[in-house]
Amino acid sequence: MSVLIKPIITEKATNDSELFNRFTFVVAKNANKLEIKDAVESAYGVSILSVKTLNYPIQRNTKFTKKGLVTGIKSGYKKAIVQLAEGDSIDFYNNI
C-alpha cells in the first residue's frame, strides 16, 4: 500500500506552497511522519525539513426530508503538510 494517496490542490494549499514552500498531501491513515518523509523524498526527489500531520474524523449527518430521515457519512482521512528545504519545489502540473 502506498503512503501518499494524492496531493491536495486547494486555494489555501496553493497559497501555502507559493509563500512558505509547504505542500499538502492526503496520506494513508496508518502512516507515520518518517514514512511520509521517505515517500515524498523518493517520489519527488526533494529534501524535507518537517512533516506535520492532521487526522480528520468521520463526519456523520442526518437530514429530515420528504422521504424521511436520510443519513450520510463522509469518510475520515489523514493529511500531511510537508515543509521543503530552501530551493526545492514540487511541480504538480508538469504532466498536464
Protein backbone atom coordinates (compact mmCIF):
# COMPACT_ATOMS: atom_id res chain seq x y z
CA MET A 1 0.00 0.00 0.00
CA SER A 2 1.27 3.42 -0.94
CA VAL A 3 1.79 6.03 1.75
CA LEU A 4 0.91 9.01 -0.47
CA ILE A 5 -2.66 8.92 -1.78
CA LYS A 6 -2.98 12.29 -3.54
CA PRO A 7 -1.84 15.90 -3.28
CA ILE A 8 -4.32 18.48 -2.01
CA ILE A 9 -4.64 21.33 -4.50
CA THR A 10 -6.90 23.95 -2.97
CA GLU A 11 -6.59 27.71 -2.81
CA LYS A 12 -5.21 27.59 0.73
CA ALA A 13 -2.73 24.79 -0.05
CA THR A 14 -1.53 26.52 -3.23
CA ASN A 15 -1.01 29.79 -1.37
CA ASP A 16 0.91 27.90 1.33
CA SER A 17 3.16 26.29 -1.28
CA GLU A 18 3.91 29.58 -3.04
CA LEU A 19 4.62 31.63 0.08
CA PHE A 20 6.11 29.16 2.56
CA ASN A 21 7.26 26.20 0.40
CA ARG A 22 4.83 23.81 2.21
CA PHE A 23 2.94 21.14 0.28
CA THR A 24 -0.12 19.18 1.41
CA PHE A 25 -0.96 15.52 0.77
CA VAL A 26 -3.65 13.02 1.73
CA VAL A 27 -1.77 10.05 3.19
CA ALA A 28 -2.58 6.58 4.49
CA LYS A 29 -4.19 6.56 7.94
CA ASN A 30 -1.55 4.28 9.45
CA ALA A 31 1.48 6.18 8.04
CA ASN A 32 3.80 7.92 10.47
CA LYS A 33 5.92 11.04 9.88
CA LEU A 34 9.09 9.12 8.95
CA GLU A 35 7.25 7.03 6.34
CA ILE A 36 5.65 10.16 4.88
CA LYS A 37 9.04 11.91 4.72
CA ASP A 38 10.67 8.95 2.94
CA ALA A 39 7.76 8.61 0.49
CA VAL A 40 7.79 12.29 -0.54
CA GLU A 41 11.58 12.39 -0.84
CA SER A 42 11.65 9.29 -3.07
CA ALA A 43 8.63 10.31 -5.18
CA TYR A 44 9.63 13.92 -5.89
CA GLY A 45 13.39 14.00 -5.24
CA VAL A 46 13.33 16.81 -2.68
CA SER A 47 14.69 17.23 0.83
CA ILE A 48 12.24 17.76 3.69
CA LEU A 49 12.67 19.83 6.85
CA SER A 50 9.50 18.89 8.75
CA VAL A 51 6.23 16.96 8.48
CA LYS A 52 3.01 17.91 10.24
CA THR A 53 0.05 15.52 10.29
CA LEU A 54 -3.65 16.04 10.93
CA ASN A 55 -6.28 13.32 11.47
CA TYR A 56 -9.79 14.19 10.30
CA PRO A 57 -12.55 12.02 11.84
CA ILE A 58 -15.57 10.50 10.13
CA GLN A 59 -18.40 13.03 9.78
CA ARG A 60 -21.99 11.81 10.08
CA ASN A 61 -25.06 13.86 9.32
CA THR A 62 -28.82 13.36 9.25
CA LYS A 63 -31.47 15.29 7.36
CA PHE A 64 -35.24 15.31 7.54
CA THR A 65 -36.64 15.21 4.00
CA LYS A 66 -39.87 14.19 2.23
CA LYS A 67 -38.51 10.66 2.06
CA GLY A 68 -37.99 10.64 5.80
CA LEU A 69 -34.78 10.54 7.80
CA VAL A 70 -31.75 10.44 5.48
CA THR A 71 -28.32 9.74 6.92
CA GLY A 72 -24.98 10.45 5.27
CA ILE A 73 -21.34 9.82 6.04
CA LYS A 74 -18.10 11.47 4.97
CA SER A 75 -15.07 9.26 5.48
CA GLY A 76 -12.16 10.34 7.64
CA TYR A 77 -8.65 10.86 6.30
CA LYS A 78 -5.16 11.86 7.32
CA LYS A 79 -3.49 14.97 5.92
CA ALA A 80 0.23 15.73 5.93
CA ILE A 81 1.81 19.17 5.47
CA VAL A 82 5.40 18.87 4.29
CA GLN A 83 7.94 21.71 4.67
CA LEU A 84 10.58 21.56 1.93
CA ALA A 85 14.15 22.78 2.20
CA GLU A 86 15.11 26.14 0.71
CA GLY A 87 15.47 25.94 -3.07
CA ASP A 88 13.42 22.73 -3.52
CA SER A 89 10.00 22.72 -5.14
CA ILE A 90 7.36 20.26 -6.35
CA ASP A 91 5.58 20.84 -9.66
CA PHE A 92 2.20 19.08 -9.74
CA TYR A 93 1.29 20.46 -13.16
CA ASN A 94 4.17 19.23 -15.32
CA ASN A 95 2.24 16.23 -16.76
CA ILE A 96 -0.84 18.14 -17.91
